[in-house]
Amino acid sequence: MGRLTMVFKATMNVLSKILVLADSGYRGIQSKHSNSKFPIQAQDAKSMNEEERKAYNKEISKERFEIEHIIGRTKVFSIASERYRNRRKNFGLRYNLICGIVNYQKTA
């Protein structure tokens, strides 16, 4: 079990009120988090026609595109895109500093 999965399970009560917009790679969260939305794949769309499915997926992608751009900006720094090989206790501080830099660049 990954570290992010453990954190997710530990904070389940707080997170149950938050809407999760995720891509298809995180479908496993849907069984644990009822307030989540995913793109509907063609084989899963039994009750929708093709146009409804595409419209639903387009609405989700419109909401997620800005998040994906921010994730891409943080991956410019190697801490977010490669294995972190330094002390674990420093990871949170360093990652928060990088997120602050990305937010500052976005607003400036």
PDB file of N, CA and C in Angstrom:
ATOM      1  N   MET A   1       0.839  -1.166   0.000  1.00  0.00           N
ATOM      2  CA  MET A   1       0.000   0.000   0.000  1.00  0.00           C
ATOM      3  C   MET A   1       0.888   1.233   0.000  1.00  0.00           C
ATOM      4  N   GLY A   2       0.599   2.150  -0.907  1.00  0.00           N
ATOM      5  CA  GLY A   2       1.403   3.349  -1.036  1.00  0.00           C
ATOM      6  C   GLY A   2       1.140   4.351   0.073  1.00  0.00           C
ATOM      7  N   ARG A   3       2.065   5.259   0.223  1.00  0.00           N
ATOM      8  CA  ARG A   3       1.970   6.267   1.272  1.00  0.00           C
ATOM      9  C   ARG A   3       0.763   7.186   1.053  1.00  0.00           C
ATOM     10  N   LEU A   4       0.497   7.547  -0.192  1.00  0.00           N
ATOM     11  CA  LEU A   4      -0.656   8.403  -0.470  1.00  0.00           C
ATOM     12  C   LEU A   4      -1.968   7.695  -0.144  1.00  0.00           C
ATOM     13  N   THR A   5      -2.035   6.404  -0.379  1.00  0.00           N
ATOM     14  CA  THR A   5      -3.233   5.648  -0.044  1.00  0.00           C
ATOM     15  C   THR A   5      -3.449   5.628   1.462  1.00  0.00           C
ATOM     16  N   MET A   6      -2.368   5.485   2.223  1.00  0.00           N
ATOM     17  CA  MET A   6      -2.475   5.487   3.681  1.00  0.00           C
ATOM     18  C   MET A   6      -2.958   6.844   4.189  1.00  0.00           C
ATOM     19  N   VAL A   7      -2.433   7.923   3.634  1.00  0.00           N
ATOM     20  CA  VAL A   7      -2.866   9.263   4.031  1.00  0.00           C
ATOM     21  C   VAL A   7      -4.329   9.462   3.671  1.00  0.00           C
ATOM     22  N   PHE A   8      -4.723   8.987   2.500  1.00  0.00           N
ATOM     23  CA  PHE A   8      -6.107   9.114   2.053  1.00  0.00           C
ATOM     24  C   PHE A   8      -7.046   8.396   3.015  1.00  0.00           C
ATOM     25  N   LYS A   9      -6.701   7.180   3.409  1.00  0.00           N
ATOM     26  CA  LYS A   9      -7.551   6.425   4.323  1.00  0.00           C
ATOM     27  C   LYS A   9      -7.607   7.066   5.710  1.00  0.00           C
ATOM     28  N   ALA A  10      -6.496   7.652   6.158  1.00  0.00           N
ATOM     29  CA  ALA A  10      -6.459   8.276   7.482  1.00  0.00           C
ATOM     30  C   ALA A  10      -7.309   9.535   7.539  1.00  0.00           C
ATOM     31  N   THR A  11      -7.472  10.232   6.434  1.00  0.00           N
ATOM     32  CA  THR A  11      -8.230  11.482   6.414  1.00  0.00           C
ATOM     33  C   THR A  11      -9.582  11.317   5.727  1.00  0.00           C
ATOM     34  N   MET A  12     -10.107  10.115   5.707  1.00  0.00           N
ATOM     35  CA  MET A  12     -11.345   9.814   4.992  1.00  0.00           C
ATOM     36  C   MET A  12     -12.528  10.635   5.493  1.00  0.00           C
ATOM     37  N   ASN A  13     -12.661  10.841   6.811  1.00  0.00           N
ATOM     38  CA  ASN A  13     -13.812  11.576   7.343  1.00  0.00           C
ATOM     39  C   ASN A  13     -13.827  13.016   6.856  1.00  0.00           C
ATOM     40  N   VAL A  14     -12.684  13.657   6.810  1.00  0.00           N
ATOM     41  CA  VAL A  14     -12.604  15.039   6.360  1.00  0.00           C
ATOM     42  C   VAL A  14     -12.815  15.119   4.854  1.00  0.00           C
ATOM     43  N   LEU A  15     -12.261  14.177   4.128  1.00  0.00           N
ATOM     44  CA  LEU A  15     -12.305  14.229   2.668  1.00  0.00           C
ATOM     45  C   LEU A  15     -13.640  13.804   2.077  1.00  0.00           C
ATOM     46  N   SER A  16     -14.529  13.213   2.872  1.00  0.00           N
ATOM     47  CA  SER A  16     -15.785  12.715   2.309  1.00  0.00           C
ATOM     48  C   SER A  16     -16.672  13.854   1.796  1.00  0.00           C
ATOM     49  N   LYS A  17     -16.446  15.068   2.261  1.00  0.00           N
ATOM     50  CA  LYS A  17     -17.249  16.214   1.825  1.00  0.00           C
ATOM     51  C   LYS A  17     -16.664  16.906   0.595  1.00  0.00           C
ATOM     52  N   ILE A  18     -15.475  16.536   0.180  1.00  0.00           N
ATOM     53  CA  ILE A  18     -14.783  17.188  -0.925  1.00  0.00           C
ATOM     54  C   ILE A  18     -15.044  16.432  -2.220  1.00  0.00           C
ATOM     55  N   LEU A  19     -15.315  17.160  -3.287  1.00  0.00           N
ATOM     56  CA  LEU A  19     -15.486  16.549  -4.594  1.00  0.00           C
ATOM     57  C   LEU A  19     -14.123  16.246  -5.193  1.00  0.00           C
ATOM     58  N   VAL A  20     -13.926  15.016  -5.621  1.00  0.00           N
ATOM     59  CA  VAL A  20     -12.673  14.597  -6.226  1.00  0.00           C
ATOM     60  C   VAL A  20     -12.888  14.474  -7.734  1.00  0.00           C
ATOM     61  N   LEU A  21     -12.127  15.238  -8.502  1.00  0.00           N
ATOM     62  CA  LEU A  21     -12.130  15.120  -9.958  1.00  0.00           C
ATOM     63  C   LEU A  21     -10.817  14.461 -10.344  1.00  0.00           C
ATOM     64  N   ALA A  22     -10.869  13.239 -10.811  1.00  0.00           N
ATOM     65  CA  ALA A  22      -9.651  12.497 -11.088  1.00  0.00           C
ATOM     66  C   ALA A  22      -9.711  11.910 -12.486  1.00  0.00           C
ATOM     67  N   ASP A  23      -8.541  11.514 -12.974  1.00  0.00           N
ATOM     68  CA  ASP A  23      -8.526  10.842 -14.257  1.00  0.00           C
ATOM     69  C   ASP A  23      -8.737   9.341 -14.049  1.00  0.00           C
ATOM     70  N   SER A  24      -8.764   8.600 -15.124  1.00  0.00           N
ATOM     71  CA  SER A  24      -9.118   7.183 -15.058  1.00  0.00           C
ATOM     72  C   SER A  24      -8.129   6.335 -14.268  1.00  0.00           C
ATOM     73  N   GLY A  25      -6.932   6.823 -14.050  1.00  0.00           N
ATOM     74  CA  GLY A  25      -5.939   6.066 -13.308  1.00  0.00           C
ATOM     75  C   GLY A  25      -6.256   5.925 -11.832  1.00  0.00           C
ATOM     76  N   TYR A  26      -7.169   6.741 -11.313  1.00  0.00           N
ATOM     77  CA  TYR A  26      -7.505   6.720  -9.894  1.00  0.00           C
ATOM     78  C   TYR A  26      -8.899   6.159  -9.637  1.00  0.00           C
ATOM     79  N   ARG A  27      -9.364   5.249 -10.455  1.00  0.00           N
ATOM     80  CA  ARG A  27     -10.698   4.677 -10.306  1.00  0.00           C
ATOM     81  C   ARG A  27     -10.868   3.919  -8.992  1.00  0.00           C
ATOM     82  N   GLY A  28      -9.799   3.441  -8.389  1.00  0.00           N
ATOM     83  CA  GLY A  28      -9.893   2.708  -7.128  1.00  0.00           C
ATOM     84  C   GLY A  28     -10.392   3.561  -5.984  1.00  0.00           C
ATOM     85  N   ILE A  29     -10.211   4.860  -6.069  1.00  0.00           N
ATOM     86  CA  ILE A  29     -10.681   5.761  -5.018  1.00  0.00           C
ATOM     87  C   ILE A  29     -12.202   5.803  -4.994  1.00  0.00           C
ATOM     88  N   GLN A  30     -12.831   5.531  -6.122  1.00  0.00           N
ATOM     89  CA  GLN A  30     -14.276   5.635  -6.229  1.00  0.00           C
ATOM     90  C   GLN A  30     -14.992   4.692  -5.258  1.00  0.00           C
ATOM     91  N   SER A  31     -14.409   3.547  -4.959  1.00  0.00           N
ATOM     92  CA  SER A  31     -15.039   2.628  -4.017  1.00  0.00           C
ATOM     93  C   SER A  31     -14.912   3.123  -2.576  1.00  0.00           C
ATOM     94  N   LYS A  32     -13.914   3.943  -2.289  1.00  0.00           N
ATOM     95  CA  LYS A  32     -13.686   4.447  -0.943  1.00  0.00           C
ATOM     96  C   LYS A  32     -14.212   5.868  -0.744  1.00  0.00           C
ATOM     97  N   HIS A  33     -14.375   6.609  -1.834  1.00  0.00           N
ATOM     98  CA  HIS A  33     -14.811   8.007  -1.763  1.00  0.00           C
ATOM     99  C   HIS A  33     -16.010   8.178  -2.675  1.00  0.00           C
ATOM    100  N   SER A  34     -17.187   8.309  -2.087  1.00  0.00           N
ATOM    101  CA  SER A  34     -18.407   8.339  -2.896  1.00  0.00           C
ATOM    102  C   SER A  34     -18.583   9.641  -3.667  1.00  0.00           C
ATOM    103  N   ASN A  35     -17.954  10.713  -3.228  1.00  0.00           N
ATOM    104  CA  ASN A  35     -18.102  12.011  -3.873  1.00  0.00           C
ATOM    105  C   ASN A  35     -16.955  12.245  -4.855  1.00  0.00           C
ATOM    106  N   SER A  36     -16.875  11.402  -5.867  1.00  0.00           N
ATOM    107  CA  SER A  36     -15.801  11.509  -6.855  1.00  0.00           C
ATOM    108  C   SER A  36     -16.364  11.372  -8.260  1.00  0.00           C
ATOM    109  N   LYS A  37     -15.698  12.035  -9.206  1.00  0.00           N
ATOM    110  CA  LYS A  37     -16.099  11.976 -10.611  1.00  0.00           C
ATOM    111  C   LYS A  37     -14.907  11.561 -11.455  1.00  0.00           C
ATOM    112  N   PHE A  38     -15.180  10.725 -12.433  1.00  0.00           N
ATOM    113  CA  PHE A  38     -14.172  10.230 -13.359  1.00  0.00           C
ATOM    114  C   PHE A  38     -14.719  10.299 -14.765  1.00  0.00           C
ATOM    115  N   PRO A  39     -13.845  10.381 -15.755  1.00  0.00           N
ATOM    116  CA  PRO A  39     -14.324  10.260 -17.129  1.00  0.00           C
ATOM    117  C   PRO A  39     -14.927   8.878 -17.343  1.00  0.00           C
ATOM    118  N   ILE A  40     -16.002   8.820 -18.067  1.00  0.00           N
ATOM    119  CA  ILE A  40     -16.667   7.548 -18.328  1.00  0.00           C
ATOM    120  C   ILE A  40     -16.082   6.953 -19.595  1.00  0.00           C
ATOM    121  N   GLN A  41     -15.599   5.744 -19.488  1.00  0.00           N
ATOM    122  CA  GLN A  41     -15.037   5.066 -20.649  1.00  0.00           C
ATOM    123  C   GLN A  41     -16.158   4.429 -21.452  1.00  0.00           C
ATOM    124  N   ALA A  42     -15.896   4.142 -22.703  1.00  0.00           N
ATOM    125  CA  ALA A  42     -16.926   3.638 -23.612  1.00  0.00           C
ATOM    126  C   ALA A  42     -17.540   2.332 -23.117  1.00  0.00           C
ATOM    127  N   GLN A  43     -16.733   1.430 -22.571  1.00  0.00           N
ATOM    128  CA  GLN A  43     -17.276   0.146 -22.129  1.00  0.00           C
ATOM    129  C   GLN A  43     -18.094   0.280 -20.841  1.00  0.00           C
ATOM    130  N   ASP A  44     -17.944   1.383 -20.088  1.00  0.00           N
ATOM    131  CA  ASP A  44     -18.701   1.599 -18.858  1.00  0.00           C
ATOM    132  C   ASP A  44     -20.000   2.359 -19.093  1.00  0.00           C
ATOM    133  N   ALA A  45     -20.180   2.934 -20.247  1.00  0.00           N
ATOM    134  CA  ALA A  45     -21.338   3.787 -20.541  1.00  0.00           C
ATOM    135  C   ALA A  45     -22.485   2.949 -21.090  1.00  0.00           C
ATOM    136  N   LYS A  46     -23.132   2.194 -20.215  1.00  0.00           N
ATOM    137  CA  LYS A  46     -24.252   1.351 -20.653  1.00  0.00           C
ATOM    138  C   LYS A  46     -25.546   2.145 -20.745  1.00  0.00           C
ATOM    139  N   SER A  47     -25.717   3.137 -19.850  1.00  0.00           N
ATOM    140  CA  SER A  47     -26.967   3.887 -19.824  1.00  0.00           C
ATOM    141  C   SER A  47     -26.885   5.209 -20.595  1.00  0.00           C
ATOM    142  N   MET A  48     -25.723   5.519 -21.184  1.00  0.00           N
ATOM    143  CA  MET A  48     -25.552   6.783 -21.916  1.00  0.00           C
ATOM    144  C   MET A  48     -25.299   6.502 -23.387  1.00  0.00           C
ATOM    145  N   ASN A  49     -25.713   7.441 -24.206  1.00  0.00           N
ATOM    146  CA  ASN A  49     -25.301   7.339 -25.599  1.00  0.00           C
ATOM    147  C   ASN A  49     -23.958   8.042 -25.771  1.00  0.00           C
ATOM    148  N   GLU A  50     -23.410   7.987 -26.942  1.00  0.00           N
ATOM    149  CA  GLU A  50     -22.063   8.511 -27.202  1.00  0.00           C
ATOM    150  C   GLU A  50     -21.967  10.016 -26.975  1.00  0.00           C
ATOM    151  N   GLU A  51     -22.983  10.760 -27.388  1.00  0.00           N
ATOM    152  CA  GLU A  51     -22.943  12.212 -27.230  1.00  0.00           C
ATOM    153  C   GLU A  51     -22.999  12.616 -25.765  1.00  0.00           C
ATOM    154  N   GLU A  52     -23.839  11.942 -24.964  1.00  0.00           N
ATOM    155  CA  GLU A  52     -23.931  12.255 -23.535  1.00  0.00           C
ATOM    156  C   GLU A  52     -22.621  11.950 -22.817  1.00  0.00           C
ATOM    157  N   ARG A  53     -22.014  10.828 -23.173  1.00  0.00           N
ATOM    158  CA  ARG A  53     -20.745  10.439 -22.555  1.00  0.00           C
ATOM    159  C   ARG A  53     -19.653  11.458 -22.882  1.00  0.00           C
ATOM    160  N   LYS A  54     -19.581  11.871 -24.133  1.00  0.00           N
ATOM    161  CA  LYS A  54     -18.567  12.850 -24.530  1.00  0.00           C
ATOM    162  C   LYS A  54     -18.805  14.193 -23.859  1.00  0.00           C
ATOM    163  N   ALA A  55     -20.052  14.604 -23.722  1.00  0.00           N
ATOM    164  CA  ALA A  55     -20.355  15.874 -23.052  1.00  0.00           C
ATOM    165  C   ALA A  55     -19.973  15.803 -21.573  1.00  0.00           C
ATOM    166  N   TYR A  56     -20.262  14.685 -20.919  1.00  0.00           N
ATOM    167  CA  TYR A  56     -19.901  14.508 -19.509  1.00  0.00           C
ATOM    168  C   TYR A  56     -18.387  14.557 -19.331  1.00  0.00           C
ATOM    169  N   ASN A  57     -17.662  13.831 -20.168  1.00  0.00           N
ATOM    170  CA  ASN A  57     -16.201  13.808 -20.087  1.00  0.00           C
ATOM    171  C   ASN A  57     -15.603  15.186 -20.391  1.00  0.00           C
ATOM    172  N   LYS A  58     -16.223  15.926 -21.290  1.00  0.00           N
ATOM    173  CA  LYS A  58     -15.727  17.259 -21.627  1.00  0.00           C
ATOM    174  C   LYS A  58     -15.897  18.211 -20.444  1.00  0.00           C
ATOM    175  N   GLU A  59     -17.014  18.097 -19.718  1.00  0.00           N
ATOM    176  CA  GLU A  59     -17.228  18.932 -18.535  1.00  0.00           C
ATOM    177  C   GLU A  59     -16.185  18.651 -17.457  1.00  0.00           C
ATOM    178  N   ILE A  60     -15.867  17.389 -17.244  1.00  0.00           N
ATOM    179  CA  ILE A  60     -14.848  17.032 -16.257  1.00  0.00           C
ATOM    180  C   ILE A  60     -13.486  17.553 -16.687  1.00  0.00           C
ATOM    181  N   SER A  61     -13.144  17.414 -17.955  1.00  0.00           N
ATOM    182  CA  SER A  61     -11.834  17.872 -18.415  1.00  0.00           C
ATOM    183  C   SER A  61     -11.730  19.398 -18.369  1.00  0.00           C
ATOM    184  N   LYS A  62     -12.830  20.113 -18.547  1.00  0.00           N
ATOM    185  CA  LYS A  62     -12.806  21.571 -18.422  1.00  0.00           C
ATOM    186  C   LYS A  62     -12.464  21.989 -16.995  1.00  0.00           C
ATOM    187  N   GLU A  63     -12.947  21.224 -16.023  1.00  0.00           N
ATOM    188  CA  GLU A  63     -12.665  21.545 -14.639  1.00  0.00           C
ATOM    189  C   GLU A  63     -11.252  21.123 -14.228  1.00  0.00           C
ATOM    190  N   ARG A  64     -10.695  20.113 -14.877  1.00  0.00           N
ATOM    191  CA  ARG A  64      -9.393  19.569 -14.476  1.00  0.00           C
ATOM    192  C   ARG A  64      -8.197  20.190 -15.189  1.00  0.00           C
ATOM    193  N   PHE A  65      -8.387  20.906 -16.277  1.00  0.00           N
ATOM    194  CA  PHE A  65      -7.240  21.333 -17.076  1.00  0.00           C
ATOM    195  C   PHE A  65      -6.318  22.267 -16.307  1.00  0.00           C
ATOM    196  N   GLU A  66      -6.880  23.150 -15.502  1.00  0.00           N
ATOM    197  CA  GLU A  66      -6.040  24.075 -14.743  1.00  0.00           C
ATOM    198  C   GLU A  66      -5.223  23.325 -13.683  1.00  0.00           C
ATOM    199  N   ILE A  67      -5.822  22.342 -13.071  1.00  0.00           N
ATOM    200  CA  ILE A  67      -5.101  21.517 -12.089  1.00  0.00           C
ATOM    201  C   ILE A  67      -3.942  20.800 -12.756  1.00  0.00           C
ATOM    202  N   GLU A  68      -4.168  20.254 -13.922  1.00  0.00           N
ATOM    203  CA  GLU A  68      -3.108  19.545 -14.642  1.00  0.00           C
ATOM    204  C   GLU A  68      -1.964  20.488 -15.015  1.00  0.00           C
ATOM    205  N   HIS A  69      -2.278  21.725 -15.358  1.00  0.00           N
ATOM    206  CA  HIS A  69      -1.226  22.689 -15.683  1.00  0.00           C
ATOM    207  C   HIS A  69      -0.384  23.014 -14.454  1.00  0.00           C
ATOM    208  N   ILE A  70      -1.025  23.137 -13.300  1.00  0.00           N
ATOM    209  CA  ILE A  70      -0.283  23.418 -12.066  1.00  0.00           C
ATOM    210  C   ILE A  70       0.611  22.238 -11.694  1.00  0.00           C
ATOM    211  N   ILE A  71       0.098  21.036 -11.842  1.00  0.00           N
ATOM    212  CA  ILE A  71       0.922  19.846 -11.578  1.00  0.00           C
ATOM    213  C   ILE A  71       2.131  19.835 -12.517  1.00  0.00           C
ATOM    214  N   GLY A  72       1.933  20.197 -13.766  1.00  0.00           N
ATOM    215  CA  GLY A  72       3.039  20.267 -14.718  1.00  0.00           C
ATOM    216  C   GLY A  72       4.085  21.295 -14.330  1.00  0.00           C
ATOM    217  N   ARG A  73       3.611  22.440 -13.792  1.00  0.00           N
ATOM    218  CA  ARG A  73       4.563  23.465 -13.351  1.00  0.00           C
ATOM    219  C   ARG A  73       5.393  22.997 -12.165  1.00  0.00           C
ATOM    220  N   THR A  74       4.804  22.220 -11.252  1.00  0.00           N
ATOM    221  CA  THR A  74       5.579  21.720 -10.113  1.00  0.00           C
ATOM    222  C   THR A  74       6.566  20.649 -10.542  1.00  0.00           C
ATOM    223  N   LYS A  75       6.267  19.928 -11.623  1.00  0.00           N
ATOM    224  CA  LYS A  75       7.178  18.879 -12.072  1.00  0.00           C
ATOM    225  C   LYS A  75       8.419  19.412 -12.766  1.00  0.00           C
ATOM    226  N   VAL A  76       8.466  20.733 -13.005  1.00  0.00           N
ATOM    227  CA  VAL A  76       9.692  21.342 -13.512  1.00  0.00           C
ATOM    228  C   VAL A  76      10.805  21.133 -12.485  1.00  0.00           C
ATOM    229  N   PHE A  77      10.422  21.179 -11.217  1.00  0.00           N
ATOM    230  CA  PHE A  77      11.370  20.920 -10.130  1.00  0.00           C
ATOM    231  C   PHE A  77      11.476  19.411  -9.955  1.00  0.00           C
ATOM    232  N   SER A  78      12.685  18.906  -9.800  1.00  0.00           N
ATOM    233  CA  SER A  78      12.881  17.457  -9.782  1.00  0.00           C
ATOM    234  C   SER A  78      12.296  16.781  -8.554  1.00  0.00           C
ATOM    235  N   ILE A  79      11.984  17.520  -7.496  1.00  0.00           N
ATOM    236  CA  ILE A  79      11.425  16.912  -6.296  1.00  0.00           C
ATOM    237  C   ILE A  79      10.063  16.278  -6.591  1.00  0.00           C
ATOM    238  N   ALA A  80       9.328  16.821  -7.541  1.00  0.00           N
ATOM    239  CA  ALA A  80       7.998  16.321  -7.846  1.00  0.00           C
ATOM    240  C   ALA A  80       7.992  15.293  -8.968  1.00  0.00           C
ATOM    241  N   SER A  81       9.037  15.208  -9.738  1.00  0.00           N
ATOM    242  CA  SER A  81       9.014  14.313 -10.890  1.00  0.00           C
ATOM    243  C   SER A  81       9.947  13.117 -10.758  1.00  0.00           C
ATOM    244  N   GLU A  82      10.809  13.121  -9.766  1.00  0.00           N
ATOM    245  CA  GLU A  82      11.748  12.014  -9.577  1.00  0.00           C
ATOM    246  C   GLU A  82      11.651  11.488  -8.155  1.00  0.00           C
ATOM    247  N   ARG A  83      12.373  10.428  -7.886  1.00  0.00           N
ATOM    248  CA  ARG A  83      12.404   9.871  -6.538  1.00  0.00           C
ATOM    249  C   ARG A  83      13.117  10.840  -5.607  1.00  0.00           C
ATOM    250  N   TYR A  84      12.507  11.070  -4.434  1.00  0.00           N
ATOM    251  CA  TYR A  84      13.098  11.975  -3.448  1.00  0.00           C
ATOM    252  C   TYR A  84      14.094  11.179  -2.615  1.00  0.00           C
ATOM    253  N   ARG A  85      15.356  11.567  -2.618  1.00  0.00           N
ATOM    254  CA  ARG A  85      16.416  10.794  -1.981  1.00  0.00           C
ATOM    255  C   ARG A  85      17.021  11.467  -0.749  1.00  0.00           C
ATOM    256  N   ASN A  86      16.404  12.529  -0.274  1.00  0.00           N
ATOM    257  CA  ASN A  86      16.911  13.209   0.915  1.00  0.00           C
ATOM    258  C   ASN A  86      16.095  12.800   2.136  1.00  0.00           C
ATOM    259  N   ARG A  87      16.292  13.492   3.240  1.00  0.00           N
ATOM    260  CA  ARG A  87      15.583  13.148   4.467  1.00  0.00           C
ATOM    261  C   ARG A  87      14.096  13.378   4.315  1.00  0.00           C
ATOM    262  N   ARG A  88      13.330  12.430   4.800  1.00  0.00           N
ATOM    263  CA  ARG A  88      11.883  12.472   4.650  1.00  0.00           C
ATOM    264  C   ARG A  88      11.272  13.671   5.375  1.00  0.00           C
ATOM    265  N   LYS A  89      11.828  14.041   6.516  1.00  0.00           N
ATOM    266  CA  LYS A  89      11.237  15.144   7.279  1.00  0.00           C
ATOM    267  C   LYS A  89      11.366  16.479   6.554  1.00  0.00           C
ATOM    268  N   ASN A  90      12.278  16.606   5.604  1.00  0.00           N
ATOM    269  CA  ASN A  90      12.448  17.847   4.844  1.00  0.00           C
ATOM    270  C   ASN A  90      11.572  17.911   3.602  1.00  0.00           C
ATOM    271  N   PHE A  91      10.956  16.802   3.232  1.00  0.00           N
ATOM    272  CA  PHE A  91      10.184  16.750   1.993  1.00  0.00           C
ATOM    273  C   PHE A  91       9.014  17.732   2.010  1.00  0.00           C
ATOM    274  N   GLY A  92       8.237  17.727   3.088  1.00  0.00           N
ATOM    275  CA  GLY A  92       7.061  18.593   3.164  1.00  0.00           C
ATOM    276  C   GLY A  92       7.411  20.061   3.048  1.00  0.00           C
ATOM    277  N   LEU A  93       8.444  20.472   3.757  1.00  0.00           N
ATOM    278  CA  LEU A  93       8.872  21.873   3.709  1.00  0.00           C
ATOM    279  C   LEU A  93       9.318  22.251   2.303  1.00  0.00           C
ATOM    280  N   ARG A  94      10.123  21.417   1.700  1.00  0.00           N
ATOM    281  CA  ARG A  94      10.638  21.729   0.358  1.00  0.00           C
ATOM    282  C   ARG A  94       9.519  21.745  -0.680  1.00  0.00           C
ATOM    283  N   TYR A  95       8.611  20.785  -0.588  1.00  0.00           N
ATOM    284  CA  TYR A  95       7.516  20.741  -1.552  1.00  0.00           C
ATOM    285  C   TYR A  95       6.594  21.940  -1.378  1.00  0.00           C
ATOM    286  N   ASN A  96       6.349  22.339  -0.134  1.00  0.00           N
ATOM    287  CA  ASN A  96       5.537  23.536   0.105  1.00  0.00           C
ATOM    288  C   ASN A  96       6.205  24.787  -0.449  1.00  0.00           C
ATOM    289  N   LEU A  97       7.525  24.870  -0.353  1.00  0.00           N
ATOM    290  CA  LEU A  97       8.242  26.012  -0.934  1.00  0.00           C
ATOM    291  C   LEU A  97       8.096  26.035  -2.449  1.00  0.00           C
ATOM    292  N   ILE A  98       8.184  24.876  -3.064  1.00  0.00           N
ATOM    293  CA  ILE A  98       8.027  24.795  -4.520  1.00  0.00           C
ATOM    294  C   ILE A  98       6.607  25.197  -4.919  1.00  0.00           C
ATOM    295  N   CYS A  99       5.617  24.722  -4.179  1.00  0.00           N
ATOM    296  CA  CYS A  99       4.237  25.103  -4.481  1.00  0.00           C
ATOM    297  C   CYS A  99       4.039  26.600  -4.297  1.00  0.00           C
ATOM    298  N   GLY A 100       4.708  27.193  -3.304  1.00  0.00           N
ATOM    299  CA  GLY A 100       4.639  28.644  -3.126  1.00  0.00           C
ATOM    300  C   GLY A 100       5.239  29.385  -4.303  1.00  0.00           C
ATOM    301  N   ILE A 101       6.350  28.879  -4.812  1.00  0.00           N
ATOM    302  CA  ILE A 101       6.984  29.491  -5.987  1.00  0.00           C
ATOM    303  C   ILE A 101       6.057  29.410  -7.193  1.00  0.00           C
ATOM    304  N   VAL A 102       5.447  28.243  -7.398  1.00  0.00           N
ATOM    305  CA  VAL A 102       4.537  28.058  -8.535  1.00  0.00           C
ATOM    306  C   VAL A 102       3.331  28.984  -8.402  1.00  0.00           C
ATOM    307  N   ASN A 103       2.768  29.094  -7.192  1.00  0.00           N
ATOM    308  CA  ASN A 103       1.632  29.999  -6.988  1.00  0.00           C
ATOM    309  C   ASN A 103       2.020  31.445  -7.197  1.00  0.00           C
ATOM    310  N   TYR A 104       3.226  31.824  -6.763  1.00  0.00           N
ATOM    311  CA  TYR A 104       3.695  33.195  -6.953  1.00  0.00           C
ATOM    312  C   TYR A 104       3.867  33.504  -8.444  1.00  0.00           C
ATOM    313  N   GLN A 105       4.426  32.550  -9.188  1.00  0.00           N
ATOM    314  CA  GLN A 105       4.606  32.762 -10.623  1.00  0.00           C
ATOM    315  C   GLN A 105       3.267  32.879 -11.329  1.00  0.00           C
ATOM    316  N   LYS A 106       2.270  32.133 -10.863  1.00  0.00           N
ATOM    317  CA  LYS A 106       0.958  32.169 -11.480  1.00  0.00           C
ATOM    318  C   LYS A 106       0.277  33.521 -11.262  1.00  0.00           C
ATOM    319  N   THR A 107       0.433  34.090 -10.066  1.00  0.00           N
ATOM    320  CA  THR A 107      -0.226  35.356  -9.761  1.00  0.00           C
ATOM    321  C   THR A 107       0.554  36.557 -10.277  1.00  0.00           C
ATOM    322  N   ALA A 108       1.862  36.393 -10.459  1.00  0.00           N
ATOM    323  CA  ALA A 108       2.684  37.537 -10.885  1.00  0.00           C
ATOM    324  C   ALA A 108       2.569  37.799 -12.364  1.00  0.00           C
TER     325      ALA A 108
END
